[in-house]
Amino acid sequence: MTEYPFTAQDLEALKAWDTPTICNGLEIVSPERRAIGFTVEPVVVVDRKLPPIVGLARTGMIRAKEPPRGPVPPREDWYDYAAAGTMPTIAVIQDVDDRPGFGAFWGEVQTTVHAALGVAGCVTNGSFRDIDMLAPGFQIVGGRIGPSHAHVHMVQMKCDVTIFGMLARHDDVIHADVHGAVVIPAEAVRALPKAIDLLTRREKVILDRARAPGFTSRDMREALSQSREIH
């Protein structure tokens, strides 16, 4: 059994913040990742009102434009791999067609099956369909909506994938919502709440001053100075 430097409860706690706030916190606890590890293109989600999803990456690659070119991983093996155990999981699927999203892997059946297996959601550059019949609460952070699954099939699993500029590997911690997704280094998981609390307190000084009547640039200078003194 894999040992992690965090618990399922630690991951659950990170759902309290949206993905931009997680990125802000990472700027403090993992400053070397300030310009890497997150999606950099617009995404389409199932439901903008769903909370963030957090879990361990279960990675795979798909194609849909043409039938399989050779042997493919059995679908049953993917389900064994993706299923949540002691930790929540997120399917992170790269569509490697020259036109990603030509055929949809995700729809009523796949979201229902994955949700039943404890998978929190999916991050993909591919497409999804059946938008009125998807499993309730199963979030997809995807590339587009499309009508057909065409020849969709898995070509590789438990591999490195790149989703809209975000490199993700097996067992990476993924945080995703309507804004996109980010990889959280394992050693940063437990440090993030404290970092986010610090940022929140620093920002509050500025926001409170900016929302007060008669706000001026001089007030902003004072607020910035006060904010920097908060540790």
C-alpha atoms as a PDB file:
ATOM      1  CA  MET A   1       0.000   0.000   0.000  1.00  0.00           C
ATOM      2  CA  THR A   2       1.326   3.425  -0.965  1.00  0.00           C
ATOM      3  CA  GLU A   3       2.046   5.768   1.923  1.00  0.00           C
ATOM      4  CA  TYR A   4       1.322   9.465   1.471  1.00  0.00           C
ATOM      5  CA  PRO A   5       2.501  12.462   3.529  1.00  0.00           C
ATOM      6  CA  PHE A   6      -1.155  13.480   3.959  1.00  0.00           C
ATOM      7  CA  THR A   7      -4.523  11.917   4.708  1.00  0.00           C
ATOM      8  CA  ALA A   8      -7.853  11.809   2.918  1.00  0.00           C
ATOM      9  CA  GLN A   9      -9.022  14.392   5.465  1.00  0.00           C
ATOM     10  CA  ASP A  10      -6.182  16.706   4.421  1.00  0.00           C
ATOM     11  CA  LEU A  11      -7.390  16.485   0.811  1.00  0.00           C
ATOM     12  CA  GLU A  12     -10.986  17.040   1.865  1.00  0.00           C
ATOM     13  CA  ALA A  13      -9.933  20.222   3.675  1.00  0.00           C
ATOM     14  CA  LEU A  14      -8.599  21.694   0.424  1.00  0.00           C
ATOM     15  CA  LYS A  15     -12.105  21.667  -1.050  1.00  0.00           C
ATOM     16  CA  ALA A  16     -12.814  24.720   1.113  1.00  0.00           C
ATOM     17  CA  TRP A  17     -10.975  26.905  -1.403  1.00  0.00           C
ATOM     18  CA  ASP A  18     -11.296  27.480  -5.117  1.00  0.00           C
ATOM     19  CA  THR A  19      -8.453  26.597  -7.466  1.00  0.00           C
ATOM     20  CA  PRO A  20      -7.147  30.186  -7.835  1.00  0.00           C
ATOM     21  CA  THR A  21      -6.784  30.367  -4.050  1.00  0.00           C
ATOM     22  CA  ILE A  22      -4.893  27.076  -4.066  1.00  0.00           C
ATOM     23  CA  CYS A  23      -2.583  28.533  -6.718  1.00  0.00           C
ATOM     24  CA  ASN A  24      -2.047  31.589  -4.509  1.00  0.00           C
ATOM     25  CA  GLY A  25      -1.105  29.371  -1.599  1.00  0.00           C
ATOM     26  CA  LEU A  26       1.326  27.406  -3.733  1.00  0.00           C
ATOM     27  CA  GLU A  27       3.136  30.634  -4.545  1.00  0.00           C
ATOM     28  CA  ILE A  28       4.153  30.683  -0.876  1.00  0.00           C
ATOM     29  CA  VAL A  29       4.777  27.008  -0.103  1.00  0.00           C
ATOM     30  CA  SER A  30       6.124  25.965  -3.537  1.00  0.00           C
ATOM     31  CA  PRO A  31       7.391  29.195  -5.154  1.00  0.00           C
ATOM     32  CA  GLU A  32       9.433  27.263  -7.706  1.00  0.00           C
ATOM     33  CA  ARG A  33       6.121  26.133  -9.266  1.00  0.00           C
ATOM     34  CA  ARG A  34       4.703  29.619  -9.636  1.00  0.00           C
ATOM     35  CA  ALA A  35       4.570  29.350 -13.453  1.00  0.00           C
ATOM     36  CA  ILE A  36       4.052  25.603 -13.908  1.00  0.00           C
ATOM     37  CA  GLY A  37       1.646  22.846 -12.929  1.00  0.00           C
ATOM     38  CA  PHE A  38      -1.728  24.358 -13.862  1.00  0.00           C
ATOM     39  CA  THR A  39      -3.995  24.568 -16.892  1.00  0.00           C
ATOM     40  CA  VAL A  40      -3.454  27.576 -19.132  1.00  0.00           C
ATOM     41  CA  GLU A  41      -6.422  27.379 -21.517  1.00  0.00           C
ATOM     42  CA  PRO A  42     -10.171  27.908 -21.013  1.00  0.00           C
ATOM     43  CA  VAL A  43     -12.182  24.930 -19.787  1.00  0.00           C
ATOM     44  CA  VAL A  44     -15.807  23.831 -20.015  1.00  0.00           C
ATOM     45  CA  VAL A  45     -17.408  22.342 -16.897  1.00  0.00           C
ATOM     46  CA  VAL A  46     -20.514  20.278 -16.234  1.00  0.00           C
ATOM     47  CA  ASP A  47     -21.812  22.587 -13.517  1.00  0.00           C
ATOM     48  CA  ARG A  48     -20.274  25.897 -12.472  1.00  0.00           C
ATOM     49  CA  LYS A  49     -21.918  25.598  -9.048  1.00  0.00           C
ATOM     50  CA  LEU A  50     -20.275  22.313  -8.038  1.00  0.00           C
ATOM     51  CA  PRO A  51     -17.568  22.549  -5.362  1.00  0.00           C
ATOM     52  CA  PRO A  52     -13.911  21.941  -6.206  1.00  0.00           C
ATOM     53  CA  ILE A  53     -12.756  18.368  -6.686  1.00  0.00           C
ATOM     54  CA  VAL A  54      -9.569  17.102  -5.038  1.00  0.00           C
ATOM     55  CA  GLY A  55      -7.953  13.707  -5.429  1.00  0.00           C
ATOM     56  CA  LEU A  56      -5.115  11.565  -6.684  1.00  0.00           C
ATOM     57  CA  ALA A  57      -4.587  11.516 -10.435  1.00  0.00           C
ATOM     58  CA  ARG A  58      -5.528   8.389 -12.329  1.00  0.00           C
ATOM     59  CA  THR A  59      -4.078   9.116 -15.720  1.00  0.00           C
ATOM     60  CA  GLY A  60      -4.800   7.859 -19.204  1.00  0.00           C
ATOM     61  CA  MET A  61      -4.762   8.702 -22.908  1.00  0.00           C
ATOM     62  CA  ILE A  62      -7.621   8.260 -25.360  1.00  0.00           C
ATOM     63  CA  ARG A  63      -8.307   8.494 -29.091  1.00  0.00           C
ATOM     64  CA  ALA A  64     -11.643   8.649 -30.903  1.00  0.00           C
ATOM     65  CA  LYS A  65     -11.134   9.722 -34.514  1.00  0.00           C
ATOM     66  CA  GLU A  66     -10.329   6.219 -35.791  1.00  0.00           C
ATOM     67  CA  PRO A  67     -10.519   2.609 -34.547  1.00  0.00           C
ATOM     68  CA  PRO A  68      -7.707   1.229 -32.387  1.00  0.00           C
ATOM     69  CA  ARG A  69      -4.397   0.845 -34.209  1.00  0.00           C
ATOM     70  CA  GLY A  70      -3.339  -2.121 -32.102  1.00  0.00           C
ATOM     71  CA  PRO A  71      -3.863  -3.674 -28.663  1.00  0.00           C
ATOM     72  CA  VAL A  72      -5.550  -1.392 -26.141  1.00  0.00           C
ATOM     73  CA  PRO A  73      -5.788  -1.579 -22.349  1.00  0.00           C
ATOM     74  CA  PRO A  74      -8.894  -3.535 -21.289  1.00  0.00           C
ATOM     75  CA  ARG A  75     -11.613  -1.197 -20.056  1.00  0.00           C
ATOM     76  CA  GLU A  76     -11.887  -3.371 -16.931  1.00  0.00           C
ATOM     77  CA  ASP A  77      -8.259  -2.618 -16.052  1.00  0.00           C
ATOM     78  CA  TRP A  78      -8.970   1.095 -16.217  1.00  0.00           C
ATOM     79  CA  TYR A  79     -11.850   0.748 -13.761  1.00  0.00           C
ATOM     80  CA  ASP A  80      -9.648  -1.207 -11.352  1.00  0.00           C
ATOM     81  CA  TYR A  81      -7.022   1.516 -11.619  1.00  0.00           C
ATOM     82  CA  ALA A  82      -9.348   4.511 -11.346  1.00  0.00           C
ATOM     83  CA  ALA A  83     -11.431   3.295  -8.412  1.00  0.00           C
ATOM     84  CA  ALA A  84     -10.941   5.188  -5.173  1.00  0.00           C
ATOM     85  CA  GLY A  85      -9.435   3.327  -2.244  1.00  0.00           C
ATOM     86  CA  THR A  86      -8.323   5.045   0.941  1.00  0.00           C
ATOM     87  CA  MET A  87      -7.890   8.265  -1.034  1.00  0.00           C
ATOM     88  CA  PRO A  88     -10.259  10.018  -3.459  1.00  0.00           C
ATOM     89  CA  THR A  89      -9.257   9.859  -7.119  1.00  0.00           C
ATOM     90  CA  ILE A  90      -9.695  12.060 -10.172  1.00  0.00           C
ATOM     91  CA  ALA A  91      -9.544  10.753 -13.739  1.00  0.00           C
ATOM     92  CA  VAL A  92      -7.047  12.839 -15.707  1.00  0.00           C
ATOM     93  CA  ILE A  93      -7.506  11.959 -19.372  1.00  0.00           C
ATOM     94  CA  GLN A  94      -5.522  13.357 -22.287  1.00  0.00           C
ATOM     95  CA  ASP A  95      -7.200  13.159 -25.687  1.00  0.00           C
ATOM     96  CA  VAL A  96      -4.338  12.670 -28.140  1.00  0.00           C
ATOM     97  CA  ASP A  97      -6.339  13.012 -31.382  1.00  0.00           C
ATOM     98  CA  ASP A  98      -5.135  15.772 -33.695  1.00  0.00           C
ATOM     99  CA  ARG A  99      -8.507  17.337 -32.921  1.00  0.00           C
ATOM    100  CA  PRO A 100      -9.123  16.641 -29.225  1.00  0.00           C
ATOM    101  CA  GLY A 101     -12.759  16.038 -28.396  1.00  0.00           C
ATOM    102  CA  PHE A 102     -13.659  14.449 -31.730  1.00  0.00           C
ATOM    103  CA  GLY A 103     -15.405  11.723 -29.723  1.00  0.00           C
ATOM    104  CA  ALA A 104     -16.528  11.826 -26.105  1.00  0.00           C
ATOM    105  CA  PHE A 105     -15.327   9.315 -23.520  1.00  0.00           C
ATOM    106  CA  TRP A 106     -17.513  10.910 -20.862  1.00  0.00           C
ATOM    107  CA  GLY A 107     -21.309  10.699 -20.817  1.00  0.00           C
ATOM    108  CA  GLU A 108     -24.166   9.243 -18.780  1.00  0.00           C
ATOM    109  CA  VAL A 109     -22.672   5.748 -18.493  1.00  0.00           C
ATOM    110  CA  GLN A 110     -19.057   6.652 -17.722  1.00  0.00           C
ATOM    111  CA  THR A 111     -19.893   9.334 -15.173  1.00  0.00           C
ATOM    112  CA  THR A 112     -22.339   6.982 -13.421  1.00  0.00           C
ATOM    113  CA  VAL A 113     -19.809   4.140 -13.300  1.00  0.00           C
ATOM    114  CA  HIS A 114     -16.929   6.333 -12.157  1.00  0.00           C
ATOM    115  CA  ALA A 115     -19.007   8.099  -9.518  1.00  0.00           C
ATOM    116  CA  ALA A 116     -20.060   4.703  -8.145  1.00  0.00           C
ATOM    117  CA  LEU A 117     -16.375   3.735  -7.948  1.00  0.00           C
ATOM    118  CA  GLY A 118     -15.656   6.791  -5.816  1.00  0.00           C
ATOM    119  CA  VAL A 119     -13.985   8.880  -8.506  1.00  0.00           C
ATOM    120  CA  ALA A 120     -14.549  12.557  -7.682  1.00  0.00           C
ATOM    121  CA  GLY A 121     -14.545  13.830 -11.266  1.00  0.00           C
ATOM    122  CA  CYS A 122     -12.471  14.232 -14.386  1.00  0.00           C
ATOM    123  CA  VAL A 123      -9.991  16.681 -15.877  1.00  0.00           C
ATOM    124  CA  THR A 124      -9.592  16.314 -19.638  1.00  0.00           C
ATOM    125  CA  ASN A 125      -8.831  18.222 -22.815  1.00  0.00           C
ATOM    126  CA  GLY A 126     -11.404  16.024 -24.515  1.00  0.00           C
ATOM    127  CA  SER A 127     -15.168  16.277 -24.815  1.00  0.00           C
ATOM    128  CA  PHE A 128     -18.209  15.079 -22.900  1.00  0.00           C
ATOM    129  CA  ARG A 129     -21.878  14.614 -23.752  1.00  0.00           C
ATOM    130  CA  ASP A 130     -25.282  13.694 -22.225  1.00  0.00           C
ATOM    131  CA  ILE A 131     -25.094  16.886 -20.208  1.00  0.00           C
ATOM    132  CA  ASP A 132     -28.607  16.477 -18.775  1.00  0.00           C
ATOM    133  CA  MET A 133     -28.022  12.841 -17.792  1.00  0.00           C
ATOM    134  CA  LEU A 134     -24.602  12.892 -16.152  1.00  0.00           C
ATOM    135  CA  ALA A 135     -24.133  11.461 -12.670  1.00  0.00           C
ATOM    136  CA  PRO A 136     -25.209  14.082 -10.106  1.00  0.00           C
ATOM    137  CA  GLY A 137     -22.247  15.811  -8.487  1.00  0.00           C
ATOM    138  CA  PHE A 138     -19.674  14.363 -10.893  1.00  0.00           C
ATOM    139  CA  GLN A 139     -17.656  17.321 -12.123  1.00  0.00           C
ATOM    140  CA  ILE A 140     -15.925  17.310 -15.492  1.00  0.00           C
ATOM    141  CA  VAL A 141     -13.373  20.008 -16.213  1.00  0.00           C
ATOM    142  CA  GLY A 142     -13.085  19.496 -19.952  1.00  0.00           C
ATOM    143  CA  GLY A 143     -12.394  20.929 -23.338  1.00  0.00           C
ATOM    144  CA  ARG A 144     -15.734  20.896 -25.108  1.00  0.00           C
ATOM    145  CA  ILE A 145     -19.197  19.376 -25.418  1.00  0.00           C
ATOM    146  CA  GLY A 146     -19.859  17.044 -28.346  1.00  0.00           C
ATOM    147  CA  PRO A 147     -22.607  14.656 -29.512  1.00  0.00           C
ATOM    148  CA  SER A 148     -20.775  11.415 -30.420  1.00  0.00           C
ATOM    149  CA  HIS A 149     -18.305   9.015 -28.842  1.00  0.00           C
ATOM    150  CA  ALA A 150     -17.047   8.044 -32.334  1.00  0.00           C
ATOM    151  CA  HIS A 151     -14.314   5.379 -31.929  1.00  0.00           C
ATOM    152  CA  VAL A 152     -13.272   6.497 -28.456  1.00  0.00           C
ATOM    153  CA  HIS A 153     -10.904   4.087 -26.724  1.00  0.00           C
ATOM    154  CA  MET A 154      -8.124   4.076 -24.178  1.00  0.00           C
ATOM    155  CA  VAL A 155      -4.633   3.838 -25.667  1.00  0.00           C
ATOM    156  CA  GLN A 156      -2.552   4.070 -22.487  1.00  0.00           C
ATOM    157  CA  MET A 157      -3.065   4.301 -18.755  1.00  0.00           C
ATOM    158  CA  LYS A 158      -0.997   5.162 -15.669  1.00  0.00           C
ATOM    159  CA  CYS A 159       1.160   7.464 -17.801  1.00  0.00           C
ATOM    160  CA  ASP A 160       2.266  11.095 -17.870  1.00  0.00           C
ATOM    161  CA  VAL A 161      -0.377  13.326 -19.453  1.00  0.00           C
ATOM    162  CA  THR A 162      -0.606  16.987 -20.380  1.00  0.00           C
ATOM    163  CA  ILE A 163      -3.960  18.736 -20.072  1.00  0.00           C
ATOM    164  CA  PHE A 164      -4.055  22.292 -21.379  1.00  0.00           C
ATOM    165  CA  GLY A 165      -0.423  22.814 -20.408  1.00  0.00           C
ATOM    166  CA  MET A 166      -0.652  21.015 -17.041  1.00  0.00           C
ATOM    167  CA  LEU A 167       1.665  18.014 -16.751  1.00  0.00           C
ATOM    168  CA  ALA A 168       0.139  15.395 -14.462  1.00  0.00           C
ATOM    169  CA  ARG A 169       1.502  12.049 -13.341  1.00  0.00           C
ATOM    170  CA  HIS A 170       0.023   9.037 -11.590  1.00  0.00           C
ATOM    171  CA  ASP A 171      -0.788   9.831  -7.954  1.00  0.00           C
ATOM    172  CA  ASP A 172      -0.326  13.593  -8.324  1.00  0.00           C
ATOM    173  CA  VAL A 173      -2.734  15.554  -6.136  1.00  0.00           C
ATOM    174  CA  ILE A 174      -5.143  17.434  -8.395  1.00  0.00           C
ATOM    175  CA  HIS A 175      -7.366  20.366  -7.404  1.00  0.00           C
ATOM    176  CA  ALA A 176      -9.888  21.508 -10.010  1.00  0.00           C
ATOM    177  CA  ASP A 177     -12.970  23.669 -10.419  1.00  0.00           C
ATOM    178  CA  VAL A 178     -14.606  26.010 -12.910  1.00  0.00           C
ATOM    179  CA  HIS A 179     -11.320  27.925 -13.310  1.00  0.00           C
ATOM    180  CA  GLY A 180      -9.244  24.898 -14.353  1.00  0.00           C
ATOM    181  CA  ALA A 181      -6.886  22.560 -12.515  1.00  0.00           C
ATOM    182  CA  VAL A 182      -3.581  22.567 -10.650  1.00  0.00           C
ATOM    183  CA  VAL A 183      -1.152  19.911  -9.434  1.00  0.00           C
ATOM    184  CA  ILE A 184      -0.356  20.180  -5.726  1.00  0.00           C
ATOM    185  CA  PRO A 185       3.026  18.753  -4.687  1.00  0.00           C
ATOM    186  CA  ALA A 186       2.528  16.070  -2.042  1.00  0.00           C
ATOM    187  CA  GLU A 187       4.694  17.903   0.473  1.00  0.00           C
ATOM    188  CA  ALA A 188       2.599  21.060   0.049  1.00  0.00           C
ATOM    189  CA  VAL A 189      -0.794  19.568   0.919  1.00  0.00           C
ATOM    190  CA  ARG A 190      -0.588  20.070   4.676  1.00  0.00           C
ATOM    191  CA  ALA A 191       1.188  23.435   4.363  1.00  0.00           C
ATOM    192  CA  LEU A 192      -1.467  25.038   2.198  1.00  0.00           C
ATOM    193  CA  PRO A 193      -4.136  25.857   4.827  1.00  0.00           C
ATOM    194  CA  LYS A 194      -1.683  27.916   6.891  1.00  0.00           C
ATOM    195  CA  ALA A 195      -0.385  29.706   3.782  1.00  0.00           C
ATOM    196  CA  ILE A 196      -3.900  30.476   2.584  1.00  0.00           C
ATOM    197  CA  ASP A 197      -4.843  31.808   6.015  1.00  0.00           C
ATOM    198  CA  LEU A 198      -1.867  34.185   5.849  1.00  0.00           C
ATOM    199  CA  LEU A 199      -2.833  35.377   2.376  1.00  0.00           C
ATOM    200  CA  THR A 200      -6.447  35.849   3.416  1.00  0.00           C
ATOM    201  CA  ARG A 201      -5.481  38.007   6.378  1.00  0.00           C
ATOM    202  CA  ARG A 202      -3.147  40.104   4.227  1.00  0.00           C
ATOM    203  CA  GLU A 203      -5.772  40.571   1.525  1.00  0.00           C
ATOM    204  CA  LYS A 204      -8.476  41.489   4.060  1.00  0.00           C
ATOM    205  CA  VAL A 205      -6.599  44.626   5.066  1.00  0.00           C
ATOM    206  CA  ILE A 206      -6.542  45.773   1.434  1.00  0.00           C
ATOM    207  CA  LEU A 207     -10.097  44.750   0.615  1.00  0.00           C
ATOM    208  CA  ASP A 208     -11.579  46.354   3.713  1.00  0.00           C
ATOM    209  CA  ARG A 209      -9.827  49.628   2.932  1.00  0.00           C
ATOM    210  CA  ALA A 210     -10.780  49.536  -0.764  1.00  0.00           C
ATOM    211  CA  ARG A 211     -14.444  48.926   0.069  1.00  0.00           C
ATOM    212  CA  ALA A 212     -14.627  51.813   2.513  1.00  0.00           C
ATOM    213  CA  PRO A 213     -16.062  55.153   1.345  1.00  0.00           C
ATOM    214  CA  GLY A 214     -13.591  57.724   0.063  1.00  0.00           C
ATOM    215  CA  PHE A 215     -10.847  55.259  -0.835  1.00  0.00           C
ATOM    216  CA  THR A 216      -7.749  56.926  -2.307  1.00  0.00           C
ATOM    217  CA  SER A 217      -4.342  55.861  -3.608  1.00  0.00           C
ATOM    218  CA  ARG A 218      -2.865  57.064  -0.341  1.00  0.00           C
ATOM    219  CA  ASP A 219      -5.152  54.660   1.505  1.00  0.00           C
ATOM    220  CA  MET A 220      -3.887  51.928  -0.784  1.00  0.00           C
ATOM    221  CA  ARG A 221      -0.288  52.719   0.123  1.00  0.00           C
ATOM    222  CA  GLU A 222      -1.143  52.460   3.817  1.00  0.00           C
ATOM    223  CA  ALA A 223      -3.081  49.227   3.306  1.00  0.00           C
ATOM    224  CA  LEU A 224      -0.186  47.643   1.425  1.00  0.00           C
ATOM    225  CA  SER A 225       2.208  48.638   4.199  1.00  0.00           C
ATOM    226  CA  GLN A 226      -0.092  47.145   6.850  1.00  0.00           C
ATOM    227  CA  SER A 227      -0.569  43.993   4.800  1.00  0.00           C
ATOM    228  CA  ARG A 228       3.169  43.388   4.544  1.00  0.00           C
ATOM    229  CA  GLU A 229       3.467  43.495   8.341  1.00  0.00           C
ATOM    230  CA  ILE A 230       1.101  40.538   8.768  1.00  0.00           C
ATOM    231  CA  HIS A 231       2.896  37.218   9.369  1.00  0.00           C
END
